[in-house]
C-alpha atoms as a PDB file:
ATOM      1  CA  MET A   1      -2.998  89.622-253.302  1.00  0.00           C
ATOM      2  CA  PRO A   2      -1.990  87.873-256.546  1.00  0.00           C
ATOM      3  CA  GLU A   3       0.017  90.064-258.885  1.00  0.00           C
ATOM      4  CA  ARG A   4      -2.722  90.059-261.527  1.00  0.00           C
ATOM      5  CA  GLU A   5      -5.387  91.325-259.113  1.00  0.00           C
ATOM      6  CA  ARG A   6      -3.002  93.970-257.747  1.00  0.00           C
ATOM      7  CA  GLY A   7      -2.403  95.158-261.301  1.00  0.00           C
ATOM      8  CA  MET A   8      -6.132  95.334-262.085  1.00  0.00           C
ATOM      9  CA  LEU A   9      -6.885  97.261-258.895  1.00  0.00           C
ATOM     10  CA  THR A  10      -4.008  99.651-259.553  1.00  0.00           C
ATOM     11  CA  ALA A  11      -5.235 100.207-263.111  1.00  0.00           C
ATOM     12  CA  TRP A  12      -8.710 101.092-261.838  1.00  0.00           C
ATOM     13  CA  ILE A  13      -7.301 103.499-259.242  1.00  0.00           C
ATOM     14  CA  LEU A  14      -4.954 105.194-261.701  1.00  0.00           C
ATOM     15  CA  GLY A  15      -7.778 105.402-264.234  1.00  0.00           C
ATOM     16  CA  GLY A  16      -9.932 107.174-261.677  1.00  0.00           C
ATOM     17  CA  LEU A  17      -7.118 109.544-260.798  1.00  0.00           C
ATOM     18  CA  LEU A  18      -6.583 110.252-264.484  1.00  0.00           C
ATOM     19  CA  CYS A  19     -10.244 111.216-264.860  1.00  0.00           C
ATOM     20  CA  LEU A  20      -9.930 113.552-261.886  1.00  0.00           C
ATOM     21  CA  SER A  21      -6.724 115.058-263.315  1.00  0.00           C
ATOM     22  CA  LEU A  22      -7.920 115.891-266.832  1.00  0.00           C
ATOM     23  CA  GLY A  23      -7.288 119.566-266.160  1.00  0.00           C
ATOM     24  CA  SER A  24      -3.607 118.907-265.512  1.00  0.00           C
ATOM     25  CA  LEU A  25      -2.461 115.912-267.512  1.00  0.00           C
ATOM     26  CA  SER A  26       1.207 116.891-267.412  1.00  0.00           C
ATOM     27  CA  ASN A  27       1.092 116.843-263.602  1.00  0.00           C
ATOM     28  CA  PHE A  28      -0.613 113.434-263.639  1.00  0.00           C
ATOM     29  CA  PHE A  29       1.902 111.788-265.968  1.00  0.00           C
ATOM     30  CA  ARG A  30       4.827 113.337-264.123  1.00  0.00           C
ATOM     31  CA  SER A  31       3.504 111.916-260.857  1.00  0.00           C
ATOM     32  CA  LEU A  32       2.850 108.569-262.532  1.00  0.00           C
ATOM     33  CA  LEU A  33       6.466 108.400-263.679  1.00  0.00           C
ATOM     34  CA  LEU A  34       8.173 109.740-260.542  1.00  0.00           C
ATOM     35  CA  GLU A  35       5.850 108.575-257.732  1.00  0.00           C
ATOM     36  CA  TRP A  36       3.535 105.729-258.713  1.00  0.00           C
ATOM     37  CA  LEU A  37       5.783 103.624-260.935  1.00  0.00           C
ATOM     38  CA  PRO A  38       8.665 103.389-258.382  1.00  0.00           C
ATOM     39  CA  LEU A  39       6.150 102.418-255.675  1.00  0.00           C
ATOM     40  CA  LEU A  40       4.493  99.774-257.849  1.00  0.00           C
ATOM     41  CA  ALA A  41       7.885  98.412-258.919  1.00  0.00           C
ATOM     42  CA  ALA A  42       8.943  98.144-255.266  1.00  0.00           C
ATOM     43  CA  LEU A  43       5.728  96.356-254.261  1.00  0.00           C
ATOM     44  CA  THR A  44       5.982  93.994-257.225  1.00  0.00           C
ATOM     45  CA  LEU A  45       9.542  93.142-256.230  1.00  0.00           C
ATOM     46  CA  TYR A  46       8.282  92.586-252.680  1.00  0.00           C
ATOM     47  CA  ASP A  47       5.645  90.144-253.997  1.00  0.00           C
ATOM     48  CA  VAL A  48       8.326  88.208-255.856  1.00  0.00           C
ATOM     49  CA  LEU A  49      10.726  88.067-252.898  1.00  0.00           C
ATOM     50  CA  ARG A  50       7.976  87.184-250.425  1.00  0.00           C
ATOM     51  CA  GLY A  51       6.921  84.231-252.540  1.00  0.00           C
ATOM     52  CA  VAL A  52      10.414  82.696-252.514  1.00  0.00           C
ATOM     53  CA  GLY A  53      10.581  79.640-250.278  1.00  0.00           C
ATOM     54  CA  PRO A  54      12.855  79.325-247.254  1.00  0.00           C
ATOM     55  CA  GLY A  55      15.379  77.045-248.945  1.00  0.00           C
ATOM     56  CA  HIS A  56      17.426  75.229-246.318  1.00  0.00           C
ATOM     57  CA  MET A  57      16.663  77.671-243.486  1.00  0.00           C
ATOM     58  CA  PRO A  58      15.209  76.124-240.311  1.00  0.00           C
ATOM     59  CA  ILE A  59      11.487  76.823-239.882  1.00  0.00           C
ATOM     60  CA  HIS A  60      10.488  78.247-236.501  1.00  0.00           C
ATOM     61  CA  ALA A  61       7.301  77.832-234.472  1.00  0.00           C
ATOM     62  CA  ASP A  62       8.193  77.241-230.804  1.00  0.00           C
ATOM     63  CA  PHE A  63       9.027  80.882-230.038  1.00  0.00           C
ATOM     64  CA  GLN A  64       5.650  82.258-231.168  1.00  0.00           C
ATOM     65  CA  ILE A  65       3.726  79.414-229.586  1.00  0.00           C
ATOM     66  CA  SER A  66       5.439  79.941-226.230  1.00  0.00           C
ATOM     67  CA  LEU A  67       4.780  83.689-226.320  1.00  0.00           C
ATOM     68  CA  ASP A  68       1.144  83.213-227.256  1.00  0.00           C
ATOM     69  CA  LYS A  69       0.517  80.493-224.738  1.00  0.00           C
ATOM     70  CA  TYR A  70       2.284  81.889-221.683  1.00  0.00           C
ATOM     71  CA  VAL A  71       2.214  85.661-222.302  1.00  0.00           C
ATOM     72  CA  PHE A  72      -0.871  86.445-224.384  1.00  0.00           C
ATOM     73  CA  GLY A  73      -3.071  83.386-223.970  1.00  0.00           C
ATOM     74  CA  PHE A  74      -2.880  82.699-220.217  1.00  0.00           C
ATOM     75  CA  GLY A  75      -2.067  79.050-220.822  1.00  0.00           C
ATOM     76  CA  SER A  76      -3.821  78.559-224.162  1.00  0.00           C
ATOM     77  CA  VAL A  77      -2.845  79.424-227.724  1.00  0.00           C
ATOM     78  CA  PRO A  78      -5.349  82.201-228.627  1.00  0.00           C
ATOM     79  CA  SER A  79      -6.114  80.855-232.114  1.00  0.00           C
ATOM     80  CA  VAL A  80      -6.929  77.433-230.667  1.00  0.00           C
ATOM     81  CA  TRP A  81      -9.116  78.916-227.905  1.00  0.00           C
ATOM     82  CA  LEU A  82     -11.009  81.277-230.207  1.00  0.00           C
ATOM     83  CA  GLN A  83     -11.848  78.607-232.766  1.00  0.00           C
ATOM     84  CA  GLN A  84     -12.940  76.194-230.047  1.00  0.00           C
ATOM     85  CA  HIS A  85     -15.393  78.756-228.675  1.00  0.00           C
ATOM     86  CA  LEU A  86     -16.526  80.714-231.754  1.00  0.00           C
ATOM     87  CA  TRP A  87     -16.215  78.515-234.843  1.00  0.00           C
ATOM     88  CA  HIS A  88     -19.123  76.248-235.790  1.00  0.00           C
ATOM     89  CA  PRO A  89     -18.447  74.299-239.016  1.00  0.00           C
ATOM     90  CA  THR A  90     -22.157  73.832-239.767  1.00  0.00           C
ATOM     91  CA  HIS A  91     -23.029  77.524-239.394  1.00  0.00           C
ATOM     92  CA  VAL A  92     -21.107  80.564-240.631  1.00  0.00           C
ATOM     93  CA  SER A  93     -21.855  83.327-238.140  1.00  0.00           C
ATOM     94  CA  VAL A  94     -21.765  87.120-238.296  1.00  0.00           C
ATOM     95  CA  ILE A  95     -18.403  87.023-236.492  1.00  0.00           C
ATOM     96  CA  ASP A  96     -17.025  84.808-239.260  1.00  0.00           C
ATOM     97  CA  TYR A  97     -18.218  87.150-242.004  1.00  0.00           C
ATOM     98  CA  VAL A  98     -16.869  90.229-240.214  1.00  0.00           C
ATOM     99  CA  ALA A  99     -13.494  88.553-239.648  1.00  0.00           C
ATOM    100  CA  PHE A 100     -13.257  87.447-243.273  1.00  0.00           C
ATOM    101  CA  ALA A 101     -14.347  90.842-244.643  1.00  0.00           C
ATOM    102  CA  THR A 102     -11.821  92.606-242.419  1.00  0.00           C
ATOM    103  CA  TYR A 103      -9.069  90.253-243.551  1.00  0.00           C
ATOM    104  CA  MET A 104      -9.886  90.820-247.242  1.00  0.00           C
ATOM    105  CA  SER A 105     -10.143  94.602-246.782  1.00  0.00           C
ATOM    106  CA  TYR A 106      -6.368  94.644-246.312  1.00  0.00           C
ATOM    107  CA  PHE A 107      -5.946  94.136-250.058  1.00  0.00           C
ATOM    108  CA  LEU A 108      -8.176  97.110-250.940  1.00  0.00           C
ATOM    109  CA  VAL A 109      -7.817  99.760-248.264  1.00  0.00           C
ATOM    110  CA  THR A 110      -4.120 100.588-248.676  1.00  0.00           C
ATOM    111  CA  PRO A 111      -4.272 101.205-252.467  1.00  0.00           C
ATOM    112  CA  LEU A 112      -7.441 103.269-252.056  1.00  0.00           C
ATOM    113  CA  ALA A 113      -5.850 105.308-249.265  1.00  0.00           C
ATOM    114  CA  LEU A 114      -2.811 105.950-251.458  1.00  0.00           C
ATOM    115  CA  GLY A 115      -5.051 107.201-254.242  1.00  0.00           C
ATOM    116  CA  ALA A 116      -7.006 109.467-251.892  1.00  0.00           C
ATOM    117  CA  LEU A 117      -3.852 110.933-250.362  1.00  0.00           C
ATOM    118  CA  TRP A 118      -2.394 111.544-253.820  1.00  0.00           C
ATOM    119  CA  LEU A 119      -5.392 113.762-254.502  1.00  0.00           C
ATOM    120  CA  VAL A 120      -5.514 115.715-251.256  1.00  0.00           C
ATOM    121  CA  ASP A 121      -2.002 115.693-249.768  1.00  0.00           C
ATOM    122  CA  ARG A 122       0.874 114.882-252.110  1.00  0.00           C
ATOM    123  CA  SER A 123       3.527 115.245-249.392  1.00  0.00           C
ATOM    124  CA  LEU A 124       1.718 112.769-247.140  1.00  0.00           C
ATOM    125  CA  PHE A 125       1.301 110.416-250.099  1.00  0.00           C
ATOM    126  CA  ARG A 126       5.071 110.395-250.626  1.00  0.00           C
ATOM    127  CA  SER A 127       5.748 109.760-246.944  1.00  0.00           C
ATOM    128  CA  TYR A 128       3.175 106.939-246.919  1.00  0.00           C
ATOM    129  CA  ALA A 129       4.741 105.374-250.030  1.00  0.00           C
ATOM    130  CA  ARG A 130       8.231 105.517-248.500  1.00  0.00           C
ATOM    131  CA  ARG A 131       7.094 103.956-245.234  1.00  0.00           C
ATOM    132  CA  LEU A 132       5.085 101.299-247.041  1.00  0.00           C
ATOM    133  CA  THR A 133       8.132 100.334-249.074  1.00  0.00           C
ATOM    134  CA  LEU A 134      10.439 100.284-246.046  1.00  0.00           C
ATOM    135  CA  LEU A 135       7.954  98.198-244.071  1.00  0.00           C
ATOM    136  CA  SER A 136       7.520  95.696-246.884  1.00  0.00           C
ATOM    137  CA  PHE A 137      11.227  95.114-247.452  1.00  0.00           C
ATOM    138  CA  ALA A 138      12.088  95.030-243.744  1.00  0.00           C
ATOM    139  CA  ALA A 139       9.451  92.325-243.308  1.00  0.00           C
ATOM    140  CA  VAL A 140      10.557  90.291-246.311  1.00  0.00           C
ATOM    141  CA  ALA A 141      14.157  90.401-245.059  1.00  0.00           C
ATOM    142  CA  TRP A 142      12.943  88.843-241.807  1.00  0.00           C
ATOM    143  CA  PHE A 143      10.841  86.264-243.689  1.00  0.00           C
ATOM    144  CA  ARG A 144      13.958  85.154-245.537  1.00  0.00           C
ATOM    145  CA  ALA A 145      16.178  85.089-242.461  1.00  0.00           C
ATOM    146  CA  CYS A 146      13.666  83.477-240.098  1.00  0.00           C
ATOM    147  CA  PRO A 147      10.760  81.626-241.779  1.00  0.00           C
ATOM    148  CA  THR A 148       7.959  80.841-239.323  1.00  0.00           C
ATOM    149  CA  MET A 149       4.804  78.735-239.291  1.00  0.00           C
ATOM    150  CA  PRO A 150       1.359  80.304-238.934  1.00  0.00           C
ATOM    151  CA  PRO A 151      -1.086  78.625-236.515  1.00  0.00           C
ATOM    152  CA  TRP A 152      -2.995  76.661-239.165  1.00  0.00           C
ATOM    153  CA  LEU A 153       0.232  75.081-240.447  1.00  0.00           C
ATOM    154  CA  ALA A 154       1.505  74.313-236.937  1.00  0.00           C
ATOM    155  CA  SER A 155      -1.822  72.598-236.259  1.00  0.00           C
ATOM    156  CA  GLN A 156      -1.491  70.472-239.401  1.00  0.00           C
ATOM    157  CA  LYS A 157       1.875  69.311-238.083  1.00  0.00           C
ATOM    158  CA  ASP A 158       0.351  68.535-234.648  1.00  0.00           C
ATOM    159  CA  ILE A 159       2.483  71.134-232.866  1.00  0.00           C
ATOM    160  CA  ILE A 160      -0.574  72.885-231.387  1.00  0.00           C
ATOM    161  CA  GLY A 161      -4.248  72.030-230.999  1.00  0.00           C
ATOM    162  CA  SER A 162      -6.859  72.191-233.730  1.00  0.00           C
ATOM    163  CA  VAL A 163      -6.688  75.384-235.820  1.00  0.00           C
ATOM    164  CA  GLN A 164      -8.272  75.571-239.252  1.00  0.00           C
ATOM    165  CA  ARG A 165      -7.552  78.121-241.937  1.00  0.00           C
ATOM    166  CA  LEU A 166     -11.088  79.448-241.721  1.00  0.00           C
ATOM    167  CA  ASN A 167     -10.839  81.605-244.843  1.00  0.00           C
ATOM    168  CA  ASN A 168     -11.074  78.392-246.862  1.00  0.00           C
ATOM    169  CA  SER A 169     -14.442  77.637-245.234  1.00  0.00           C
ATOM    170  CA  ILE A 170     -15.915  81.145-245.078  1.00  0.00           C
ATOM    171  CA  ALA A 171     -15.075  82.326-248.613  1.00  0.00           C
ATOM    172  CA  PRO A 172     -17.523  80.029-250.489  1.00  0.00           C
ATOM    173  CA  ASN A 173     -20.361  81.220-248.201  1.00  0.00           C
ATOM    174  CA  SER A 174     -19.870  84.926-248.806  1.00  0.00           C
ATOM    175  CA  GLY A 175     -23.125  85.229-250.777  1.00  0.00           C
ATOM    176  CA  TRP A 176     -23.142  88.566-252.595  1.00  0.00           C
ATOM    177  CA  PHE A 177     -19.444  88.282-253.396  1.00  0.00           C
ATOM    178  CA  ASP A 178     -17.607  85.012-253.933  1.00  0.00           C
ATOM    179  CA  PRO A 179     -13.879  85.614-253.489  1.00  0.00           C
ATOM    180  CA  THR A 180     -12.991  81.913-253.666  1.00  0.00           C
ATOM    181  CA  ALA A 181     -11.049  82.189-256.924  1.00  0.00           C
ATOM    182  CA  LEU A 182      -9.126  85.238-255.708  1.00  0.00           C
ATOM    183  CA  TRP A 183      -8.435  83.590-252.373  1.00  0.00           C
ATOM    184  CA  GLU A 184      -7.263  80.293-253.898  1.00  0.00           C
ATOM    185  CA  ARG A 185      -4.907  82.017-256.362  1.00  0.00           C
ATOM    186  CA  GLY A 186      -3.533  84.103-253.536  1.00  0.00           C
ATOM    187  CA  VAL A 187      -2.891  81.005-251.430  1.00  0.00           C
ATOM    188  CA  GLN A 188      -1.074  79.324-254.315  1.00  0.00           C
ATOM    189  CA  LEU A 189       1.244  82.301-254.846  1.00  0.00           C
ATOM    190  CA  ALA A 190       1.825  83.313-251.224  1.00  0.00           C
ATOM    191  CA  ASN A 191       4.606  82.097-248.991  1.00  0.00           C
ATOM    192  CA  ALA A 192       2.959  80.240-246.096  1.00  0.00           C
ATOM    193  CA  LEU A 193       6.072  80.750-243.964  1.00  0.00           C
ATOM    194  CA  ALA A 194       5.956  84.576-244.119  1.00  0.00           C
ATOM    195  CA  ALA A 195       4.094  84.963-240.847  1.00  0.00           C
ATOM    196  CA  PHE A 196       6.366  86.793-238.396  1.00  0.00           C
ATOM    197  CA  PRO A 197       6.053  89.773-238.332  1.00  0.00           C
ATOM    198  CA  SER A 198       2.484  90.239-239.573  1.00  0.00           C
ATOM    199  CA  LEU A 199       2.335  92.668-242.490  1.00  0.00           C
ATOM    200  CA  HIS A 200      -1.451  92.444-242.392  1.00  0.00           C
ATOM    201  CA  GLU A 201      -1.374  94.082-238.979  1.00  0.00           C
ATOM    202  CA  GLY A 202       1.646  96.271-239.661  1.00  0.00           C
ATOM    203  CA  MET A 203       0.172  97.867-242.781  1.00  0.00           C
ATOM    204  CA  THR A 204      -3.192  98.343-241.063  1.00  0.00           C
ATOM    205  CA  ILE A 205      -1.507 100.214-238.212  1.00  0.00           C
ATOM    206  CA  LEU A 206       0.549 102.231-240.714  1.00  0.00           C
ATOM    207  CA  LEU A 207      -2.661 103.267-242.467  1.00  0.00           C
ATOM    208  CA  SER A 208      -4.119 104.529-239.182  1.00  0.00           C
ATOM    209  CA  ILE A 209      -0.926 106.434-238.361  1.00  0.00           C
ATOM    210  CA  MET A 210      -0.800 108.123-241.762  1.00  0.00           C
ATOM    211  CA  LEU A 211      -4.462 109.153-241.718  1.00  0.00           C
ATOM    212  CA  TRP A 212      -4.598 110.215-238.064  1.00  0.00           C
ATOM    213  CA  ARG A 213      -4.011 113.920-238.684  1.00  0.00           C
ATOM    214  CA  ARG A 214      -6.042 114.015-241.896  1.00  0.00           C
ATOM    215  CA  VAL A 215      -9.384 112.927-240.410  1.00  0.00           C
ATOM    216  CA  ARG A 216     -11.663 114.685-237.983  1.00  0.00           C
ATOM    217  CA  PRO A 217     -11.362 113.668-234.304  1.00  0.00           C
ATOM    218  CA  ALA A 218     -14.783 112.006-234.441  1.00  0.00           C
ATOM    219  CA  PHE A 219     -13.532 109.564-237.105  1.00  0.00           C
ATOM    220  CA  ARG A 220     -10.351 108.621-235.268  1.00  0.00           C
ATOM    221  CA  VAL A 221     -12.233 105.940-233.375  1.00  0.00           C
ATOM    222  CA  VAL A 222     -12.389 104.071-236.703  1.00  0.00           C
ATOM    223  CA  LEU A 223      -8.609 104.337-237.066  1.00  0.00           C
ATOM    224  CA  ILE A 224      -8.276 102.780-233.607  1.00  0.00           C
ATOM    225  CA  ALA A 225     -10.929 100.107-234.123  1.00  0.00           C
ATOM    226  CA  TYR A 226      -9.722  98.922-237.547  1.00  0.00           C
ATOM    227  CA  PRO A 227      -6.312  97.559-236.402  1.00  0.00           C
ATOM    228  CA  LEU A 228      -7.977  95.966-233.358  1.00  0.00           C
ATOM    229  CA  VAL A 229     -10.620  94.200-235.465  1.00  0.00           C
ATOM    230  CA  MET A 230      -7.905  93.172-237.920  1.00  0.00           C
ATOM    231  CA  ALA A 231      -5.849  91.727-235.049  1.00  0.00           C
ATOM    232  CA  PHE A 232      -8.805  89.686-233.795  1.00  0.00           C
ATOM    233  CA  SER A 233      -9.572  88.489-237.327  1.00  0.00           C
ATOM    234  CA  LEU A 234      -6.017  87.360-238.048  1.00  0.00           C
ATOM    235  CA  VAL A 235      -5.817  85.351-234.829  1.00  0.00           C
ATOM    236  CA  TYR A 236      -9.322  83.897-235.061  1.00  0.00           C
ATOM    237  CA  LEU A 237      -8.950  82.891-238.717  1.00  0.00           C
ATOM    238  CA  GLY A 238      -5.746  81.004-237.877  1.00  0.00           C
ATOM    239  CA  GLU A 239      -3.505  83.201-240.025  1.00  0.00           C
ATOM    240  CA  HIS A 240      -1.292  84.674-237.280  1.00  0.00           C
ATOM    241  CA  TYR A 241      -0.250  84.386-233.658  1.00  0.00           C
ATOM    242  CA  VAL A 242      -0.651  87.361-231.350  1.00  0.00           C
ATOM    243  CA  SER A 243       3.151  87.557-231.243  1.00  0.00           C
ATOM    244  CA  ASP A 244       3.156  88.040-235.038  1.00  0.00           C
ATOM    245  CA  LEU A 245       0.858  91.028-234.594  1.00  0.00           C
ATOM    246  CA  VAL A 246       2.989  92.554-231.844  1.00  0.00           C
ATOM    247  CA  ALA A 247       6.085  92.150-234.018  1.00  0.00           C
ATOM    248  CA  GLY A 248       4.250  93.779-236.934  1.00  0.00           C
ATOM    249  CA  ALA A 249       3.250  96.726-234.737  1.00  0.00           C
ATOM    250  CA  LEU A 250       6.798  97.159-233.431  1.00  0.00           C
ATOM    251  CA  LEU A 251       8.251  96.997-236.939  1.00  0.00           C
ATOM    252  CA  THR A 252       5.761  99.627-238.107  1.00  0.00           C
ATOM    253  CA  GLY A 253       6.729 101.868-235.207  1.00  0.00           C
ATOM    254  CA  ALA A 254      10.409 101.452-236.071  1.00  0.00           C
ATOM    255  CA  VAL A 255       9.751 102.321-239.730  1.00  0.00           C
ATOM    256  CA  CYS A 256       7.762 105.440-238.795  1.00  0.00           C
ATOM    257  CA  TRP A 257      10.606 106.518-236.518  1.00  0.00           C
ATOM    258  CA  ALA A 258      13.340 105.810-239.067  1.00  0.00           C
ATOM    259  CA  GLU A 259      11.769 107.134-242.279  1.00  0.00           C
ATOM    260  CA  PRO A 260      11.932 110.899-241.567  1.00  0.00           C
ATOM    261  CA  ARG A 261      15.439 110.551-240.138  1.00  0.00           C
ATOM    262  CA  LEU A 262      16.648 108.638-243.185  1.00  0.00           C
ATOM    263  CA  LEU A 263      15.046 111.243-245.431  1.00  0.00           C
ATOM    264  CA  ARG A 264      16.765 114.105-243.593  1.00  0.00           C
ATOM    265  CA  ALA A 265      20.097 112.288-243.780  1.00  0.00           C
ATOM    266  CA  LEU A 266      19.718 111.711-247.530  1.00  0.00           C
ATOM    267  CA  ARG A 267      18.794 115.353-248.121  1.00  0.00           C
ATOM    268  CA  ALA A 268      21.748 116.550-246.034  1.00  0.00           C
ATOM    269  CA  ARG A 269      24.056 114.263-247.997  1.00  0.00           C
ATOM    270  CA  ARG A 270      22.658 115.594-251.268  1.00  0.00           C
ATOM    271  CA  ARG A 271      23.153 119.196-250.170  1.00  0.00           C
ATOM    272  CA  ALA A 272      26.713 118.437-249.111  1.00  0.00           C
ATOM    273  CA  ARG A 273      27.444 116.833-252.487  1.00  0.00           C
ATOM    274  CA  LEU A 274      26.021 119.828-254.341  1.00  0.00           C
ATOM    275  CA  THR A 275      28.082 122.169-252.177  1.00  0.00           C
ATOM    276  CA  ARG A 276      31.273 120.262-252.980  1.00  0.00           C
ATOM    277  CA  ARG A 277      30.526 120.463-256.691  1.00  0.00           C
ATOM    278  CA  SER A 278      29.683 124.155-256.774  1.00  0.00           C
ATOM    279  CA  GLY A 279      32.166 125.333-254.128  1.00  0.00           C
ATOM    280  CA  PRO A 280      31.402 127.387-251.054  1.00  0.00           C
ATOM    281  CA  VAL A 281      28.680 129.972-251.435  1.00  0.00           C
ATOM    282  CA  THR A 282      29.883 133.491-250.489  1.00  0.00           C
ATOM    283  CA  GLU A 283      27.591 136.301-249.512  1.00  0.00           C
ATOM    284  CA  PRO A 284      27.976 139.611-251.424  1.00  0.00           C
ATOM    285  CA  ALA A 285      29.735 142.376-249.546  1.00  0.00           C
END
């Protein structure tokens, strides 16, 4: 999402939270200073770093293509196969609209979930913010070290069969909501070589993990279905290989494993530092 649109969405969310916190303004502004501003600063820095080009680093494509073709695609690159069988340039189908809507929901769902968790479970909000930040910077470190081509770009360079960036074709036909301007500004600012691992899929899975214990069992089917529909959409729209999605899922799993352990280590280090400053604590006789 372009930085301007992220800022507008954040302003709307924080404005809504302010209205809901009128009975405790000091608590709201304290949280804004200590919780929201560091998160927004981290995500803004991520946007800046992600948009930096690869410089003189070699650009990779063969590894993902081989995995998709011989491991996940049974001899065909999934993006190529799906567009050959499902995409009809003269007719935008329900599948196209669902895929596009799911893709665009990525830019809205995470900020809204953060706002909701801030209201109902402040501890979970903090954990979600930490994991989101770790995931973002771990991914951008990989983007810088190993820039990779998405399917639509590999197709333009004749490395794989025909794959279009279908968002460009579906967006103008969205009827009730025309996201063309938002989409085009996002394309101009984004780094096309930040494909592996997929943060679209990684953040979607992270959302499901964080909400799993907060929703009723009957609604957990949605938390399972959403990452699956997102995965299909990313591959079908030509934005990612299946291997990108698997890497995004593995990175998310690693972040969820590491975050509580890093937090415990930092707290133990802080306690040890305080103990050294104040001296050993002795119990009264």
